[in-house]
């Protein structure tokens, strides 16, 4: 089964080897027939501990690393 890859913006890098990535998606509202934005935050593993807040990164689904981390950073600016 292929691993999911998402793209988002880093909103926090306070944790040790951990970054929080905000992924936004655009959906069409069923009643208002208008495009709206929905976002979700993912904790991702950053082995090099070099990603800074505000960077756009790609994250890939992986095995559980901790209670909250099941994603890994695979690329920087895209």
PDB file of N, CA and C in Angstrom:
ATOM      1  N   UNK A   1       0.843  -1.185   0.000  1.00  0.00           N
ATOM      2  CA  UNK A   1       0.000   0.000   0.000  1.00  0.00           C
ATOM      3  C   UNK A   1       0.888   1.247   0.000  1.00  0.00           C
ATOM      4  N   UNK A   2       0.631   2.193  -0.898  1.00  0.00           N
ATOM      5  CA  UNK A   2       1.480   3.388  -0.955  1.00  0.00           C
ATOM      6  C   UNK A   2       1.261   4.289   0.255  1.00  0.00           C
ATOM      7  N   UNK A   3       2.322   4.993   0.624  1.00  0.00           N
ATOM      8  CA  UNK A   3       2.238   5.900   1.761  1.00  0.00           C
ATOM      9  C   UNK A   3       1.707   7.251   1.299  1.00  0.00           C
ATOM     10  N   UNK A   4       0.868   7.846   2.127  1.00  0.00           N
ATOM     11  CA  UNK A   4       0.325   9.157   1.791  1.00  0.00           C
ATOM     12  C   UNK A   4       1.410  10.220   1.948  1.00  0.00           C
ATOM     13  N   UNK A   5       1.407  11.209   1.074  1.00  0.00           N
ATOM     14  CA  UNK A   5       2.330  12.334   1.167  1.00  0.00           C
ATOM     15  C   UNK A   5       1.500  13.609   1.165  1.00  0.00           C
ATOM     16  N   UNK A   6       1.732  14.468   2.167  1.00  0.00           N
ATOM     17  CA  UNK A   6       1.010  15.732   2.284  1.00  0.00           C
ATOM     18  C   UNK A   6       2.005  16.878   2.282  1.00  0.00           C
ATOM     19  N   UNK A   7       1.511  18.065   1.939  1.00  0.00           N
ATOM     20  CA  UNK A   7       2.358  19.250   1.935  1.00  0.00           C
ATOM     21  C   UNK A   7       1.727  20.300   2.831  1.00  0.00           C
ATOM     22  N   UNK A   8       2.556  20.950   3.656  1.00  0.00           N
ATOM     23  CA  UNK A   8       2.029  21.951   4.567  1.00  0.00           C
ATOM     24  C   UNK A   8       3.112  22.879   5.073  1.00  0.00           C
ATOM     25  N   UNK A   9       2.714  23.750   5.993  1.00  0.00           N
ATOM     26  CA  UNK A   9       3.605  24.753   6.551  1.00  0.00           C
ATOM     27  C   UNK A   9       3.920  24.416   7.997  1.00  0.00           C
ATOM     28  N   UNK A  10       5.181  24.572   8.376  1.00  0.00           N
ATOM     29  CA  UNK A  10       5.609  24.297   9.747  1.00  0.00           C
ATOM     30  C   UNK A  10       5.137  25.438  10.650  1.00  0.00           C
ATOM     31  N   UNK A  11       4.400  25.103  11.708  1.00  0.00           N
ATOM     32  CA  UNK A  11       3.905  26.115  12.640  1.00  0.00           C
ATOM     33  C   UNK A  11       4.619  26.071  13.984  1.00  0.00           C
ATOM     34  N   UNK A  12       5.340  24.967  14.268  1.00  0.00           N
ATOM     35  CA  UNK A  12       6.076  24.870  15.525  1.00  0.00           C
ATOM     36  C   UNK A  12       7.226  23.882  15.375  1.00  0.00           C
ATOM     37  N   UNK A  13       8.365  24.211  16.010  1.00  0.00           N
ATOM     38  CA  UNK A  13       9.488  23.274  16.053  1.00  0.00           C
ATOM     39  C   UNK A  13      10.079  23.214  17.455  1.00  0.00           C
ATOM     40  N   UNK A  14       9.230  23.384  18.451  1.00  0.00           N
ATOM     41  CA  UNK A  14       9.674  23.419  19.846  1.00  0.00           C
ATOM     42  C   UNK A  14      10.135  22.058  20.356  1.00  0.00           C
ATOM     43  N   UNK A  15       9.547  20.975  19.854  1.00  0.00           N
ATOM     44  CA  UNK A  15       9.900  19.649  20.350  1.00  0.00           C
ATOM     45  C   UNK A  15      11.239  19.178  19.817  1.00  0.00           C
ATOM     46  N   UNK A  16      11.850  18.251  20.528  1.00  0.00           N
ATOM     47  CA  UNK A  16      13.116  17.671  20.093  1.00  0.00           C
ATOM     48  C   UNK A  16      12.858  16.690  18.951  1.00  0.00           C
ATOM     49  N   UNK A  17      13.403  16.980  17.779  1.00  0.00           N
ATOM     50  CA  UNK A  17      13.234  16.178  16.562  1.00  0.00           C
ATOM     51  C   UNK A  17      11.768  16.064  16.141  1.00  0.00           C
ATOM     52  N   UNK A  18      10.971  17.070  16.451  1.00  0.00           N
ATOM     53  CA  UNK A  18       9.554  17.071  16.112  1.00  0.00           C
ATOM     54  C   UNK A  18       9.153  18.426  15.550  1.00  0.00           C
ATOM     55  N   UNK A  19       8.366  18.424  14.490  1.00  0.00           N
ATOM     56  CA  UNK A  19       7.781  19.656  13.972  1.00  0.00           C
ATOM     57  C   UNK A  19       6.274  19.451  13.844  1.00  0.00           C
ATOM     58  N   UNK A  20       5.530  20.538  13.972  1.00  0.00           N
ATOM     59  CA  UNK A  20       4.084  20.494  13.784  1.00  0.00           C
ATOM     60  C   UNK A  20       3.796  21.153  12.447  1.00  0.00           C
ATOM     61  N   UNK A  21       3.134  20.417  11.556  1.00  0.00           N
ATOM     62  CA  UNK A  21       2.873  20.878  10.196  1.00  0.00           C
ATOM     63  C   UNK A  21       1.379  21.091  10.016  1.00  0.00           C
ATOM     64  N   UNK A  22       1.013  22.272   9.536  1.00  0.00           N
ATOM     65  CA  UNK A  22      -0.392  22.599   9.273  1.00  0.00           C
ATOM     66  C   UNK A  22      -0.673  22.349   7.796  1.00  0.00           C
ATOM     67  N   UNK A  23      -1.599  21.429   7.520  1.00  0.00           N
ATOM     68  CA  UNK A  23      -1.956  21.075   6.144  1.00  0.00           C
ATOM     69  C   UNK A  23      -3.350  21.629   5.867  1.00  0.00           C
ATOM     70  N   UNK A  24      -3.453  22.441   4.809  1.00  0.00           N
ATOM     71  CA  UNK A  24      -4.741  23.024   4.435  1.00  0.00           C
ATOM     72  C   UNK A  24      -5.281  22.317   3.203  1.00  0.00           C
ATOM     73  N   UNK A  25      -6.595  22.123   3.190  1.00  0.00           N
ATOM     74  CA  UNK A  25      -7.245  21.576   2.004  1.00  0.00           C
ATOM     75  C   UNK A  25      -8.462  22.424   1.703  1.00  0.00           C
ATOM     76  N   UNK A  26      -8.843  22.455   0.445  1.00  0.00           N
ATOM     77  CA  UNK A  26      -9.994  23.259   0.022  1.00  0.00           C
ATOM     78  C   UNK A  26     -11.122  22.322  -0.372  1.00  0.00           C
ATOM     79  N   UNK A  27     -12.310  22.570   0.209  1.00  0.00           N
ATOM     80  CA  UNK A  27     -13.476  21.746  -0.106  1.00  0.00           C
ATOM     81  C   UNK A  27     -14.632  22.652  -0.506  1.00  0.00           C
ATOM     82  N   UNK A  28     -15.593  22.072  -1.157  1.00  0.00           N
ATOM     83  CA  UNK A  28     -16.782  22.819  -1.551  1.00  0.00           C
ATOM     84  C   UNK A  28     -17.869  22.587  -0.510  1.00  0.00           C
ATOM     85  N   UNK A  29     -18.406  23.654   0.048  1.00  0.00           N
ATOM     86  CA  UNK A  29     -19.453  23.533   1.053  1.00  0.00           C
ATOM     87  C   UNK A  29     -20.709  22.981   0.388  1.00  0.00           C
ATOM     88  N   UNK A  30     -21.317  21.948   0.976  1.00  0.00           N
ATOM     89  CA  UNK A  30     -22.455  21.301   0.316  1.00  0.00           C
ATOM     90  C   UNK A  30     -23.691  22.186   0.175  1.00  0.00           C
ATOM     91  N   UNK A  31     -23.925  23.084   1.125  1.00  0.00           N
ATOM     92  CA  UNK A  31     -25.130  23.912   1.075  1.00  0.00           C
ATOM     93  C   UNK A  31     -24.862  25.275   0.445  1.00  0.00           C
ATOM     94  N   UNK A  32     -23.774  25.903   0.852  1.00  0.00           N
ATOM     95  CA  UNK A  32     -23.481  27.252   0.368  1.00  0.00           C
ATOM     96  C   UNK A  32     -22.852  27.263  -1.017  1.00  0.00           C
ATOM     97  N   UNK A  33     -22.384  26.100  -1.484  1.00  0.00           N
ATOM     98  CA  UNK A  33     -21.783  25.982  -2.813  1.00  0.00           C
ATOM     99  C   UNK A  33     -20.585  26.918  -2.963  1.00  0.00           C
ATOM    100  N   UNK A  34     -19.795  27.002  -1.910  1.00  0.00           N
ATOM    101  CA  UNK A  34     -18.682  27.933  -1.855  1.00  0.00           C
ATOM    102  C   UNK A  34     -17.425  27.162  -1.430  1.00  0.00           C
ATOM    103  N   UNK A  35     -16.270  27.558  -1.948  1.00  0.00           N
ATOM    104  CA  UNK A  35     -15.012  26.904  -1.583  1.00  0.00           C
ATOM    105  C   UNK A  35     -14.561  27.424  -0.222  1.00  0.00           C
ATOM    106  N   UNK A  36     -14.317  26.500   0.717  1.00  0.00           N
ATOM    107  CA  UNK A  36     -13.850  26.885   2.047  1.00  0.00           C
ATOM    108  C   UNK A  36     -12.577  26.113   2.366  1.00  0.00           C
ATOM    109  N   UNK A  37     -11.774  26.643   3.296  1.00  0.00           N
ATOM    110  CA  UNK A  37     -10.515  26.016   3.675  1.00  0.00           C
ATOM    111  C   UNK A  37     -10.670  25.266   4.989  1.00  0.00           C
ATOM    112  N   UNK A  38     -10.132  24.062   5.014  1.00  0.00           N
ATOM    113  CA  UNK A  38     -10.091  23.260   6.228  1.00  0.00           C
ATOM    114  C   UNK A  38      -8.621  22.933   6.492  1.00  0.00           C
ATOM    115  N   UNK A  39      -8.221  22.967   7.759  1.00  0.00           N
ATOM    116  CA  UNK A  39      -6.825  22.678   8.064  1.00  0.00           C
ATOM    117  C   UNK A  39      -6.732  21.679   9.211  1.00  0.00           C
ATOM    118  N   UNK A  40      -5.602  20.985   9.253  1.00  0.00           N
ATOM    119  CA  UNK A  40      -5.340  20.014  10.289  1.00  0.00           C
ATOM    120  C   UNK A  40      -3.847  20.044  10.583  1.00  0.00           C
ATOM    121  N   UNK A  41      -3.489  19.796  11.840  1.00  0.00           N
ATOM    122  CA  UNK A  41      -2.084  19.812  12.228  1.00  0.00           C
ATOM    123  C   UNK A  41      -1.594  18.385  12.448  1.00  0.00           C
ATOM    124  N   UNK A  42      -0.387  18.115  11.955  1.00  0.00           N
ATOM    125  CA  UNK A  42       0.232  16.807  12.103  1.00  0.00           C
ATOM    126  C   UNK A  42       1.589  16.966  12.780  1.00  0.00           C
ATOM    127  N   UNK A  43       1.894  16.069  13.712  1.00  0.00           N
ATOM    128  CA  UNK A  43       3.228  16.028  14.307  1.00  0.00           C
ATOM    129  C   UNK A  43       4.086  15.138  13.411  1.00  0.00           C
ATOM    130  N   UNK A  44       5.253  15.644  13.009  1.00  0.00           N
ATOM    131  CA  UNK A  44       6.117  14.901  12.102  1.00  0.00           C
ATOM    132  C   UNK A  44       7.524  14.806  12.669  1.00  0.00           C
ATOM    133  N   UNK A  45       8.208  13.713  12.329  1.00  0.00           N
ATOM    134  CA  UNK A  45       9.559  13.457  12.812  1.00  0.00           C
ATOM    135  C   UNK A  45      10.575  14.153  11.906  1.00  0.00           C
ATOM    136  N   UNK A  46      11.458  14.956  12.506  1.00  0.00           N
ATOM    137  CA  UNK A  46      12.516  15.665  11.784  1.00  0.00           C
ATOM    138  C   UNK A  46      13.851  15.221  12.373  1.00  0.00           C
ATOM    139  N   UNK A  47      14.474  14.228  11.749  1.00  0.00           N
ATOM    140  CA  UNK A  47      15.693  13.615  12.301  1.00  0.00           C
ATOM    141  C   UNK A  47      16.832  14.619  12.453  1.00  0.00           C
ATOM    142  N   UNK A  48      16.977  15.529  11.495  1.00  0.00           N
ATOM    143  CA  UNK A  48      18.105  16.473  11.532  1.00  0.00           C
ATOM    144  C   UNK A  48      17.845  17.669  12.446  1.00  0.00           C
ATOM    145  N   UNK A  49      16.611  17.858  12.842  1.00  0.00           N
ATOM    146  CA  UNK A  49      16.235  18.964  13.736  1.00  0.00           C
ATOM    147  C   UNK A  49      16.593  20.326  13.130  1.00  0.00           C
ATOM    148  N   UNK A  50      16.437  20.456  11.797  1.00  0.00           N
ATOM    149  CA  UNK A  50      16.877  21.668  11.107  1.00  0.00           C
ATOM    150  C   UNK A  50      15.739  22.466  10.470  1.00  0.00           C
ATOM    151  N   UNK A  51      14.520  21.965  10.517  1.00  0.00           N
ATOM    152  CA  UNK A  51      13.383  22.654   9.894  1.00  0.00           C
ATOM    153  C   UNK A  51      12.973  23.835  10.766  1.00  0.00           C
ATOM    154  N   UNK A  52      12.751  24.991  10.122  1.00  0.00           N
ATOM    155  CA  UNK A  52      12.379  26.206  10.834  1.00  0.00           C
ATOM    156  C   UNK A  52      10.894  26.524  10.631  1.00  0.00           C
ATOM    157  N   UNK A  53      10.341  27.339  11.520  1.00  0.00           N
ATOM    158  CA  UNK A  53       8.936  27.745  11.440  1.00  0.00           C
ATOM    159  C   UNK A  53       8.729  28.566  10.161  1.00  0.00           C
ATOM    160  N   UNK A  54       7.632  28.282   9.458  1.00  0.00           N
ATOM    161  CA  UNK A  54       7.304  29.022   8.245  1.00  0.00           C
ATOM    162  C   UNK A  54       7.703  28.309   6.968  1.00  0.00           C
ATOM    163  N   UNK A  55       8.537  27.293   7.051  1.00  0.00           N
ATOM    164  CA  UNK A  55       8.964  26.560   5.862  1.00  0.00           C
ATOM    165  C   UNK A  55       7.834  25.678   5.349  1.00  0.00           C
ATOM    166  N   UNK A  56       7.815  25.466   4.032  1.00  0.00           N
ATOM    167  CA  UNK A  56       6.874  24.541   3.419  1.00  0.00           C
ATOM    168  C   UNK A  56       7.570  23.199   3.280  1.00  0.00           C
ATOM    169  N   UNK A  57       6.954  22.146   3.821  1.00  0.00           N
ATOM    170  CA  UNK A  57       7.575  20.821   3.810  1.00  0.00           C
ATOM    171  C   UNK A  57       6.589  19.772   3.314  1.00  0.00           C
ATOM    172  N   UNK A  58       7.149  18.631   2.898  1.00  0.00           N
ATOM    173  CA  UNK A  58       6.343  17.474   2.529  1.00  0.00           C
ATOM    174  C   UNK A  58       6.539  16.435   3.620  1.00  0.00           C
ATOM    175  N   UNK A  59       5.431  15.815   4.046  1.00  0.00           N
ATOM    176  CA  UNK A  59       5.505  14.780   5.076  1.00  0.00           C
ATOM    177  C   UNK A  59       4.934  13.482   4.523  1.00  0.00           C
ATOM    178  N   UNK A  60       5.498  12.367   4.996  1.00  0.00           N
ATOM    179  CA  UNK A  60       5.107  11.050   4.519  1.00  0.00           C
ATOM    180  C   UNK A  60       4.652  10.204   5.694  1.00  0.00           C
ATOM    181  N   UNK A  61       3.615   9.435   5.474  1.00  0.00           N
ATOM    182  CA  UNK A  61       3.087   8.542   6.503  1.00  0.00           C
ATOM    183  C   UNK A  61       4.106   7.443   6.798  1.00  0.00           C
ATOM    184  N   UNK A  62       4.262   7.084   8.073  1.00  0.00           N
ATOM    185  CA  UNK A  62       5.219   6.043   8.450  1.00  0.00           C
ATOM    186  C   UNK A  62       4.680   5.287   9.668  1.00  0.00           C
ATOM    187  N   UNK A  63       5.492   4.387  10.160  1.00  0.00           N
ATOM    188  CA  UNK A  63       5.100   3.624  11.347  1.00  0.00           C
ATOM    189  C   UNK A  63       5.016   4.572  12.550  1.00  0.00           C
ATOM    190  N   UNK A  64       4.285   4.224  13.594  1.00  0.00           N
ATOM    191  CA  UNK A  64       4.214   5.091  14.768  1.00  0.00           C
ATOM    192  C   UNK A  64       5.585   5.249  15.421  1.00  0.00           C
ATOM    193  N   UNK A  65       6.005   6.485  15.596  1.00  0.00           N
ATOM    194  CA  UNK A  65       7.285   6.786  16.230  1.00  0.00           C
ATOM    195  C   UNK A  65       7.058   7.104  17.705  1.00  0.00           C
ATOM    196  N   UNK A  66       5.940   7.758  18.007  1.00  0.00           N
ATOM    197  CA  UNK A  66       5.553   8.028  19.388  1.00  0.00           C
ATOM    198  C   UNK A  66       4.028   8.094  19.439  1.00  0.00           C
ATOM    199  N   UNK A  67       3.497   8.571  20.542  1.00  0.00           N
ATOM    200  CA  UNK A  67       2.041   8.623  20.708  1.00  0.00           C
ATOM    201  C   UNK A  67       1.372   9.461  19.622  1.00  0.00           C
ATOM    202  N   UNK A  68       1.974  10.597  19.276  1.00  0.00           N
ATOM    203  CA  UNK A  68       1.372  11.497  18.302  1.00  0.00           C
ATOM    204  C   UNK A  68       2.033  11.466  16.926  1.00  0.00           C
ATOM    205  N   UNK A  69       3.272  10.994  16.843  1.00  0.00           N
ATOM    206  CA  UNK A  69       4.017  11.073  15.583  1.00  0.00           C
ATOM    207  C   UNK A  69       3.874   9.809  14.744  1.00  0.00           C
ATOM    208  N   UNK A  70       3.185   9.935  13.608  1.00  0.00           N
ATOM    209  CA  UNK A  70       3.120   8.848  12.637  1.00  0.00           C
ATOM    210  C   UNK A  70       3.457   9.376  11.247  1.00  0.00           C
ATOM    211  N   UNK A  71       4.131  10.519  11.192  1.00  0.00           N
ATOM    212  CA  UNK A  71       4.542  11.148   9.936  1.00  0.00           C
ATOM    213  C   UNK A  71       6.020  11.484  10.009  1.00  0.00           C
ATOM    214  N   UNK A  72       6.678  11.527   8.847  1.00  0.00           N
ATOM    215  CA  UNK A  72       8.110  11.821   8.758  1.00  0.00           C
ATOM    216  C   UNK A  72       8.314  12.896   7.692  1.00  0.00           C
ATOM    217  N   UNK A  73       9.182  13.871   7.959  1.00  0.00           N
ATOM    218  CA  UNK A  73       9.500  14.923   6.987  1.00  0.00           C
ATOM    219  C   UNK A  73      10.374  14.307   5.904  1.00  0.00           C
ATOM    220  N   UNK A  74       9.950  14.462   4.620  1.00  0.00           N
ATOM    221  CA  UNK A  74      10.728  13.892   3.515  1.00  0.00           C
ATOM    222  C   UNK A  74      11.331  14.956   2.610  1.00  0.00           C
ATOM    223  N   UNK A  75      10.839  16.175   2.662  1.00  0.00           N
ATOM    224  CA  UNK A  75      11.387  17.200   1.788  1.00  0.00           C
ATOM    225  C   UNK A  75      11.157  18.583   2.327  1.00  0.00           C
ATOM    226  N   UNK A  76      12.063  19.487   1.982  1.00  0.00           N
ATOM    227  CA  UNK A  76      11.941  20.877   2.410  1.00  0.00           C
ATOM    228  C   UNK A  76      11.076  21.660   1.459  1.00  0.00           C
ATOM    229  N   UNK A  77      11.568  22.832   1.054  1.00  0.00           N
ATOM    230  CA  UNK A  77      10.814  23.710   0.147  1.00  0.00           C
ATOM    231  C   UNK A  77      10.417  22.971  -1.104  1.00  0.00           C
ATOM    232  N   UNK A  78       9.132  23.053  -1.453  1.00  0.00           N
ATOM    233  CA  UNK A  78       8.643  22.357  -2.648  1.00  0.00           C
ATOM    234  C   UNK A  78       8.098  23.330  -3.651  1.00  0.00           C
TER     235      UNK A  78
END
